């Protein structure tokens, strides 16, 4: 399965309904507010086969992070945020809050592919 639009990804994320994913992404947003790709990796990491499914839409870096082949500090941040999200109890908002970030990362990835 390959996701080609943010709408498709949002539908899949809604179907999964993962509060863990929302908390992971929120924790990454607090720790690395400028790193949208890292935040998005936290949001989609609970989707089975996420790395390959989002490669075209969200780019190579997000795919590498999901496979835990990113730069070591980023891998560690993603792993630690996921672990903390399992035990943390806080309101991480709603999935729709992440649409703009997903669209930004997808648009940035699309521009990079055009340049290549």
N, C-alpha and C. Protein backbone atom coordinates (compact mmCIF):
# COMPACT_ATOMS: atom_id res chain seq x y z
N UNK A 1 0.84 -1.18 0.00
CA UNK A 1 0.00 0.00 0.00
C UNK A 1 0.89 1.24 0.00
N UNK A 2 0.54 2.18 -0.85
CA UNK A 2 1.28 3.43 -0.92
C UNK A 2 0.29 4.59 -0.81
N UNK A 3 0.54 5.46 0.13
CA UNK A 3 -0.33 6.61 0.34
C UNK A 3 0.13 7.75 -0.55
N UNK A 4 -0.80 8.34 -1.27
CA UNK A 4 -0.44 9.39 -2.22
C UNK A 4 -1.00 10.77 -1.86
N UNK A 5 -1.80 10.84 -0.80
CA UNK A 5 -2.34 12.15 -0.42
C UNK A 5 -2.48 12.23 1.09
N UNK A 6 -2.49 13.45 1.57
CA UNK A 6 -2.69 13.68 3.00
C UNK A 6 -4.08 13.20 3.41
N UNK A 7 -5.06 13.34 2.53
CA UNK A 7 -6.40 12.85 2.85
C UNK A 7 -6.40 11.34 3.09
N UNK A 8 -5.70 10.59 2.23
CA UNK A 8 -5.60 9.14 2.42
C UNK A 8 -4.93 8.82 3.75
N UNK A 9 -3.86 9.54 4.05
CA UNK A 9 -3.15 9.31 5.31
C UNK A 9 -4.03 9.65 6.50
N UNK A 10 -4.74 10.75 6.43
CA UNK A 10 -5.63 11.13 7.53
C UNK A 10 -6.71 10.07 7.73
N UNK A 11 -7.27 9.55 6.64
CA UNK A 11 -8.28 8.49 6.77
C UNK A 11 -7.71 7.27 7.48
N UNK A 12 -6.48 6.90 7.11
CA UNK A 12 -5.84 5.75 7.75
C UNK A 12 -5.56 6.02 9.23
N UNK A 13 -5.07 7.22 9.53
CA UNK A 13 -4.80 7.57 10.92
C UNK A 13 -6.09 7.60 11.75
N UNK A 14 -7.17 8.11 11.17
CA UNK A 14 -8.46 8.10 11.87
C UNK A 14 -8.90 6.67 12.14
N UNK A 15 -8.70 5.79 11.18
CA UNK A 15 -9.11 4.39 11.34
C UNK A 15 -8.30 3.71 12.45
N UNK A 16 -7.03 4.08 12.56
CA UNK A 16 -6.17 3.49 13.60
C UNK A 16 -6.52 4.04 14.98
N UNK A 17 -6.90 5.32 15.01
CA UNK A 17 -7.31 5.94 16.27
C UNK A 17 -6.30 5.85 17.39
N UNK A 18 -5.04 6.09 17.10
CA UNK A 18 -3.99 5.89 18.09
C UNK A 18 -3.71 7.14 18.92
N UNK A 19 -4.13 7.10 20.17
CA UNK A 19 -3.79 8.17 21.12
C UNK A 19 -2.29 8.18 21.37
N UNK A 20 -1.68 7.01 21.33
CA UNK A 20 -0.23 6.90 21.51
C UNK A 20 0.50 7.72 20.44
N UNK A 21 0.06 7.64 19.21
CA UNK A 21 0.68 8.38 18.11
C UNK A 21 0.55 9.89 18.33
N UNK A 22 -0.60 10.32 18.77
CA UNK A 22 -0.80 11.76 19.04
C UNK A 22 0.12 12.23 20.16
N UNK A 23 0.23 11.45 21.22
CA UNK A 23 1.11 11.84 22.33
C UNK A 23 2.58 11.84 21.90
N UNK A 24 2.98 10.85 21.10
CA UNK A 24 4.36 10.80 20.62
C UNK A 24 4.68 12.04 19.79
N UNK A 25 3.81 12.36 18.85
CA UNK A 25 4.02 13.54 18.00
C UNK A 25 4.04 14.82 18.84
N UNK A 26 3.15 14.91 19.82
CA UNK A 26 3.11 16.11 20.67
C UNK A 26 4.39 16.25 21.48
N UNK A 27 4.90 15.15 22.00
CA UNK A 27 6.16 15.20 22.75
C UNK A 27 7.32 15.63 21.85
N UNK A 28 7.34 15.14 20.63
CA UNK A 28 8.40 15.55 19.69
C UNK A 28 8.25 17.01 19.30
N UNK A 29 7.02 17.49 19.19
CA UNK A 29 6.79 18.90 18.87
C UNK A 29 7.34 19.79 20.00
N UNK A 30 7.16 19.35 21.24
CA UNK A 30 7.68 20.13 22.38
C UNK A 30 9.20 20.13 22.39
N UNK A 31 9.80 18.98 22.12
CA UNK A 31 11.25 18.86 22.18
C UNK A 31 11.98 19.41 20.97
N UNK A 32 11.38 19.29 19.78
CA UNK A 32 12.01 19.73 18.53
C UNK A 32 10.97 20.44 17.67
N UNK A 33 10.54 21.62 18.07
CA UNK A 33 9.43 22.29 17.38
C UNK A 33 9.68 22.58 15.89
N UNK A 34 10.91 22.72 15.48
CA UNK A 34 11.19 23.03 14.07
C UNK A 34 11.31 21.77 13.21
N UNK A 35 11.41 20.61 13.80
CA UNK A 35 11.64 19.38 13.04
C UNK A 35 10.31 18.69 12.73
N UNK A 36 9.65 19.17 11.70
CA UNK A 36 8.33 18.65 11.32
C UNK A 36 8.40 17.20 10.87
N UNK A 37 9.46 16.80 10.17
CA UNK A 37 9.58 15.42 9.70
C UNK A 37 9.67 14.45 10.88
N UNK A 38 10.40 14.81 11.91
CA UNK A 38 10.51 13.97 13.10
C UNK A 38 9.14 13.86 13.79
N UNK A 39 8.43 14.96 13.89
CA UNK A 39 7.10 14.95 14.50
C UNK A 39 6.15 14.04 13.72
N UNK A 40 6.18 14.16 12.40
CA UNK A 40 5.32 13.35 11.54
C UNK A 40 5.68 11.87 11.67
N UNK A 41 6.96 11.56 11.78
CA UNK A 41 7.37 10.16 11.98
C UNK A 41 6.75 9.62 13.26
N UNK A 42 6.72 10.42 14.30
CA UNK A 42 6.07 10.00 15.55
C UNK A 42 4.59 9.78 15.38
N UNK A 43 3.96 10.60 14.55
CA UNK A 43 2.52 10.49 14.33
C UNK A 43 2.14 9.23 13.56
N UNK A 44 2.95 8.85 12.60
CA UNK A 44 2.58 7.72 11.73
C UNK A 44 3.24 6.40 12.12
N UNK A 45 4.10 6.39 13.12
CA UNK A 45 4.88 5.19 13.42
C UNK A 45 4.05 3.98 13.80
N UNK A 46 2.83 4.16 14.27
CA UNK A 46 2.02 3.02 14.70
C UNK A 46 1.28 2.34 13.55
N UNK A 47 1.36 2.91 12.35
CA UNK A 47 0.74 2.30 11.19
C UNK A 47 1.60 1.14 10.71
N UNK A 48 0.99 -0.03 10.58
CA UNK A 48 1.73 -1.18 10.07
C UNK A 48 2.27 -0.84 8.68
N UNK A 49 3.50 -1.17 8.44
CA UNK A 49 4.16 -0.92 7.15
C UNK A 49 4.26 0.58 6.83
N UNK A 50 4.33 1.41 7.85
CA UNK A 50 4.31 2.86 7.65
C UNK A 50 5.46 3.36 6.78
N UNK A 51 6.64 2.84 6.96
CA UNK A 51 7.80 3.37 6.24
C UNK A 51 7.58 3.35 4.74
N UNK A 52 7.19 2.22 4.21
CA UNK A 52 6.99 2.13 2.76
C UNK A 52 5.73 2.85 2.32
N UNK A 53 4.70 2.82 3.15
CA UNK A 53 3.43 3.44 2.79
C UNK A 53 3.55 4.95 2.63
N UNK A 54 4.41 5.59 3.43
CA UNK A 54 4.49 7.05 3.40
C UNK A 54 5.69 7.59 2.63
N UNK A 55 6.54 6.72 2.10
CA UNK A 55 7.77 7.17 1.43
C UNK A 55 7.47 8.20 0.33
N UNK A 56 6.56 7.90 -0.56
CA UNK A 56 6.25 8.80 -1.67
C UNK A 56 5.66 10.11 -1.17
N UNK A 57 4.79 10.03 -0.18
CA UNK A 57 4.10 11.21 0.31
C UNK A 57 4.97 12.09 1.21
N UNK A 58 5.66 11.48 2.16
CA UNK A 58 6.36 12.24 3.20
C UNK A 58 7.87 12.26 3.05
N UNK A 59 8.43 11.44 2.18
CA UNK A 59 9.85 11.53 1.88
C UNK A 59 10.74 10.50 2.53
N UNK A 60 11.98 10.52 2.08
CA UNK A 60 12.99 9.56 2.51
C UNK A 60 13.34 9.68 3.98
N UNK A 61 13.45 10.90 4.49
CA UNK A 61 13.85 11.04 5.89
C UNK A 61 12.82 10.42 6.83
N UNK A 62 11.55 10.69 6.59
CA UNK A 62 10.51 10.11 7.43
C UNK A 62 10.57 8.59 7.32
N UNK A 63 10.74 8.08 6.11
CA UNK A 63 10.86 6.64 5.90
C UNK A 63 12.05 6.07 6.69
N UNK A 64 13.21 6.73 6.62
CA UNK A 64 14.39 6.26 7.36
C UNK A 64 14.16 6.28 8.86
N UNK A 65 13.51 7.33 9.35
CA UNK A 65 13.23 7.41 10.78
C UNK A 65 12.32 6.27 11.22
N UNK A 66 11.33 5.94 10.41
CA UNK A 66 10.41 4.87 10.76
C UNK A 66 11.08 3.51 10.73
N UNK A 67 12.11 3.38 9.92
CA UNK A 67 12.87 2.14 9.87
C UNK A 67 13.99 2.14 10.91
N UNK A 68 14.12 3.24 11.62
CA UNK A 68 15.18 3.43 12.62
C UNK A 68 16.55 3.39 11.97
N UNK A 69 16.61 4.01 10.79
CA UNK A 69 17.89 4.15 10.09
C UNK A 69 18.23 5.62 9.88
N UNK A 70 17.65 6.49 10.68
CA UNK A 70 17.96 7.91 10.58
C UNK A 70 19.22 8.20 11.35
N UNK A 71 19.60 9.47 11.41
CA UNK A 71 20.74 9.82 12.26
C UNK A 71 20.45 9.38 13.70
N UNK A 72 21.43 8.82 14.36
CA UNK A 72 21.23 8.23 15.68
C UNK A 72 20.51 9.13 16.68
N UNK A 73 20.86 10.42 16.80
CA UNK A 73 20.14 11.25 17.77
C UNK A 73 18.64 11.35 17.46
N UNK A 74 18.30 11.43 16.17
CA UNK A 74 16.88 11.50 15.80
C UNK A 74 16.17 10.18 16.10
N UNK A 75 16.83 9.07 15.81
CA UNK A 75 16.26 7.76 16.14
C UNK A 75 16.01 7.67 17.64
N UNK A 76 16.97 8.12 18.42
CA UNK A 76 16.83 8.07 19.87
C UNK A 76 15.67 8.94 20.34
N UNK A 77 15.54 10.14 19.77
CA UNK A 77 14.43 11.02 20.16
C UNK A 77 13.09 10.39 19.84
N UNK A 78 12.97 9.78 18.67
CA UNK A 78 11.73 9.13 18.28
C UNK A 78 11.40 7.97 19.22
N UNK A 79 12.38 7.14 19.50
CA UNK A 79 12.19 6.00 20.38
C UNK A 79 11.82 6.44 21.80
N UNK A 80 12.53 7.43 22.32
CA UNK A 80 12.26 7.92 23.68
C UNK A 80 10.88 8.56 23.78
N UNK A 81 10.49 9.32 22.77
CA UNK A 81 9.16 9.94 22.79
C UNK A 81 8.07 8.87 22.74
N UNK A 82 8.29 7.83 21.94
CA UNK A 82 7.31 6.74 21.86
C UNK A 82 7.18 6.03 23.21
N UNK A 83 8.31 5.81 23.87
CA UNK A 83 8.28 5.17 25.19
C UNK A 83 7.57 6.06 26.21
N UNK A 84 7.90 7.35 26.20
CA UNK A 84 7.26 8.26 27.16
C UNK A 84 5.76 8.38 26.90
N UNK A 85 5.38 8.35 25.63
CA UNK A 85 3.96 8.46 25.28
C UNK A 85 3.15 7.28 25.79
N UNK A 86 3.78 6.15 25.98
CA UNK A 86 3.08 4.97 26.51
C UNK A 86 2.67 5.16 27.98
N UNK A 87 3.45 5.94 28.72
CA UNK A 87 3.19 6.09 30.15
C UNK A 87 2.64 7.47 30.51
N UNK A 88 2.73 8.41 29.60
CA UNK A 88 2.25 9.76 29.88
C UNK A 88 0.74 9.83 29.69
N UNK A 89 0.11 10.60 30.53
CA UNK A 89 -1.32 10.82 30.41
C UNK A 89 -1.56 12.32 30.30
N UNK A 90 -1.68 12.80 29.08
CA UNK A 90 -1.99 14.21 28.87
C UNK A 90 -2.82 14.33 27.61
N UNK A 91 -3.51 15.43 27.49
CA UNK A 91 -4.34 15.67 26.31
C UNK A 91 -3.44 16.13 25.17
N UNK A 92 -3.30 15.29 24.16
CA UNK A 92 -2.43 15.59 23.02
C UNK A 92 -3.19 16.22 21.87
N UNK A 93 -4.41 16.61 22.09
CA UNK A 93 -5.19 17.23 21.02
C UNK A 93 -5.88 16.19 20.16
N UNK A 94 -6.22 16.62 18.96
CA UNK A 94 -6.93 15.74 18.03
C UNK A 94 -6.12 15.60 16.75
N UNK A 95 -6.39 14.55 16.03
CA UNK A 95 -5.65 14.26 14.81
C UNK A 95 -5.74 15.40 13.80
N UNK A 96 -6.88 16.02 13.70
CA UNK A 96 -7.07 17.09 12.71
C UNK A 96 -6.08 18.24 12.93
N UNK A 97 -5.59 18.40 14.16
CA UNK A 97 -4.59 19.43 14.45
C UNK A 97 -3.31 19.20 13.65
N UNK A 98 -3.07 17.98 13.19
CA UNK A 98 -1.83 17.63 12.50
C UNK A 98 -1.92 17.73 10.99
N UNK A 99 -3.11 18.00 10.45
CA UNK A 99 -3.27 18.06 8.99
C UNK A 99 -2.31 19.07 8.36
N UNK A 100 -2.21 20.26 8.92
CA UNK A 100 -1.35 21.29 8.34
C UNK A 100 0.12 20.87 8.33
N UNK A 101 0.56 20.19 9.38
CA UNK A 101 1.95 19.72 9.44
C UNK A 101 2.17 18.64 8.38
N UNK A 102 1.23 17.71 8.26
CA UNK A 102 1.34 16.67 7.23
C UNK A 102 1.38 17.29 5.83
N UNK A 103 0.53 18.29 5.60
CA UNK A 103 0.51 18.96 4.29
C UNK A 103 1.82 19.69 4.02
N UNK A 104 2.38 20.31 5.04
CA UNK A 104 3.66 21.00 4.90
C UNK A 104 4.78 20.03 4.52
N UNK A 105 4.87 18.92 5.24
CA UNK A 105 5.92 17.94 4.95
C UNK A 105 5.71 17.32 3.57
N UNK A 106 4.47 17.03 3.21
CA UNK A 106 4.18 16.46 1.89
C UNK A 106 4.53 17.45 0.78
N UNK A 107 4.19 18.71 0.97
CA UNK A 107 4.50 19.74 -0.04
C UNK A 107 6.01 19.93 -0.16
N UNK A 108 6.70 19.95 0.95
CA UNK A 108 8.16 20.08 0.93
C UNK A 108 8.79 18.90 0.20
N UNK A 109 8.31 17.69 0.47
CA UNK A 109 8.82 16.50 -0.19
C UNK A 109 8.52 16.54 -1.69
N UNK A 110 7.37 17.00 -2.04
CA UNK A 110 6.99 17.09 -3.45
C UNK A 110 7.89 18.06 -4.20
N UNK A 111 8.22 19.18 -3.59
CA UNK A 111 9.14 20.16 -4.22
C UNK A 111 10.53 19.56 -4.37
N UNK A 112 10.99 18.81 -3.37
CA UNK A 112 12.31 18.19 -3.45
C UNK A 112 12.37 17.17 -4.58
N UNK A 113 11.31 16.39 -4.77
CA UNK A 113 11.27 15.42 -5.86
C UNK A 113 11.30 16.11 -7.21
N UNK A 114 10.67 17.27 -7.32
CA UNK A 114 10.65 18.01 -8.57
C UNK A 114 12.05 18.49 -8.92
N UNK A 115 12.82 18.90 -7.92
CA UNK A 115 14.19 19.37 -8.15
C UNK A 115 15.09 18.24 -8.59
N UNK A 116 14.90 17.05 -8.01
CA UNK A 116 15.72 15.90 -8.37
C UNK A 116 15.46 15.55 -9.79
